Amino acid sequence: MPSLLPGVDLGRIPAHPRTRTSAPARWAWLLDGRTHGRPVTVHAEGCPSATDRAHPLGTMQALDALARPGTTACTVCDAAEALLPIFTHGQDDVPGPGD
């Protein structure tokens, strides 16, 4: 599966969770498939909204999944807050003359 950001290793980005109740060394994600009319959703590991059918993903796999139409990032856990800003990073950059 091609990477959303070729040549960029996001595996070393430090985790900064919102709460002090958990402090993972690395982010872990879950992909929850369509169930009962719900869209495909990326959750942070341990999210109470994830179903028992969700399967684990790495960060790049989570970003690739979010790039697919119809996939959302959960707003109950840290998924939306942590992953969605990566998509907007650099989108406002306009190439200068000669770039």
Protein backbone atom coordinates (compact mmCIF):
# COMPACT_ATOMS: atom_id res chain seq x y z
CA MET A 1 0.00 0.00 0.00
CA PRO A 2 1.56 3.35 -0.98
CA SER A 3 2.31 5.79 1.78
CA LEU A 4 0.39 9.04 2.03
CA LEU A 5 3.66 10.87 2.71
CA PRO A 6 6.40 9.05 0.75
CA GLY A 7 9.80 9.27 2.41
CA VAL A 8 8.43 10.60 5.70
CA ASP A 9 8.79 8.36 8.75
CA LEU A 10 6.12 9.35 11.27
CA GLY A 11 6.95 6.43 13.53
CA ARG A 12 9.33 8.56 15.59
CA ILE A 13 6.89 11.40 16.28
CA PRO A 14 6.53 11.58 20.07
CA ALA A 15 3.12 10.90 21.54
CA HIS A 16 1.46 13.73 23.47
CA PRO A 17 -1.90 12.41 24.70
CA ARG A 18 -4.56 14.84 25.90
CA THR A 19 -5.00 13.15 29.24
CA ARG A 20 -2.56 12.17 31.94
CA THR A 21 -4.33 8.85 32.47
CA SER A 22 -2.31 7.18 29.72
CA ALA A 23 1.10 7.96 28.35
CA PRO A 24 1.91 5.64 25.44
CA ALA A 25 5.47 5.55 24.14
CA ARG A 26 4.00 5.51 20.62
CA TRP A 27 0.59 6.05 19.14
CA ALA A 28 -1.39 2.94 18.31
CA TRP A 29 -4.42 3.07 16.05
CA LEU A 30 -7.43 0.88 15.27
CA LEU A 31 -9.37 0.67 12.00
CA ASP A 32 -13.05 -0.02 12.60
CA GLY A 33 -14.97 -1.16 9.52
CA ARG A 34 -18.49 -0.22 8.48
CA THR A 35 -21.01 -1.53 10.97
CA HIS A 36 -24.68 -0.67 11.42
CA GLY A 37 -24.50 2.38 9.16
CA ARG A 38 -21.34 3.77 10.77
CA PRO A 39 -18.49 4.85 8.45
CA VAL A 40 -15.04 3.27 8.50
CA THR A 41 -13.33 4.99 11.42
CA VAL A 42 -9.77 5.31 12.71
CA HIS A 43 -9.59 5.26 16.52
CA ALA A 44 -6.74 5.59 19.00
CA GLU A 45 -6.04 2.31 20.73
CA GLY A 46 -8.26 1.94 23.79
CA CYS A 47 -11.03 4.18 22.45
CA PRO A 48 -14.36 3.20 24.02
CA SER A 49 -16.12 3.88 20.70
CA ALA A 50 -14.15 1.23 18.80
CA THR A 51 -15.92 -2.09 18.25
CA ASP A 52 -14.45 -5.51 18.93
CA ARG A 53 -14.06 -5.87 15.14
CA ALA A 54 -11.43 -3.09 14.90
CA HIS A 55 -7.91 -4.15 13.96
CA PRO A 56 -4.57 -2.51 14.81
CA LEU A 57 -2.73 -0.14 12.47
CA GLY A 58 0.54 1.73 12.43
CA THR A 59 0.60 5.50 12.00
CA MET A 60 1.27 5.42 8.26
CA GLN A 61 -1.48 2.83 7.75
CA ALA A 62 -3.88 5.03 9.74
CA LEU A 63 -3.02 8.05 7.56
CA ASP A 64 -3.42 5.99 4.38
CA ALA A 65 -6.83 4.78 5.62
CA LEU A 66 -7.93 8.36 6.36
CA ALA A 67 -6.98 9.38 2.83
CA ARG A 68 -9.66 7.04 1.46
CA PRO A 69 -13.10 8.55 0.83
CA GLY A 70 -15.62 7.66 3.50
CA THR A 71 -13.10 7.08 6.29
CA THR A 72 -13.30 9.33 9.34
CA ALA A 73 -11.15 9.97 12.40
CA CYS A 74 -12.84 9.46 15.75
CA THR A 75 -13.45 12.62 17.76
CA VAL A 76 -14.12 10.74 21.02
CA CYS A 77 -10.47 9.72 21.30
CA ASP A 78 -7.23 11.39 20.14
CA ALA A 79 -7.46 10.15 16.52
CA ALA A 80 -8.90 13.31 14.94
CA GLU A 81 -6.77 15.66 17.04
CA ALA A 82 -3.53 13.79 16.33
CA LEU A 83 -3.95 12.68 12.71
CA LEU A 84 -6.01 15.30 10.88
CA PRO A 85 -3.51 18.18 11.27
CA ILE A 86 -1.01 16.12 9.27
CA PHE A 87 -3.30 16.38 6.24
CA THR A 88 -3.47 20.17 6.40
CA HIS A 89 0.25 20.68 7.05
CA GLY A 90 1.74 22.48 4.08
CA GLN A 91 -1.49 22.87 2.12
CA ASP A 92 -1.31 26.65 2.43
CA ASP A 93 2.22 26.71 1.02
CA VAL A 94 2.34 28.26 -2.42
CA PRO A 95 5.41 27.58 -4.54
CA GLY A 96 7.47 30.70 -5.04
CA PRO A 97 8.98 31.81 -8.34
CA GLY A 98 11.56 29.29 -9.48
CA ASP A 99 10.30 26.53 -7.16
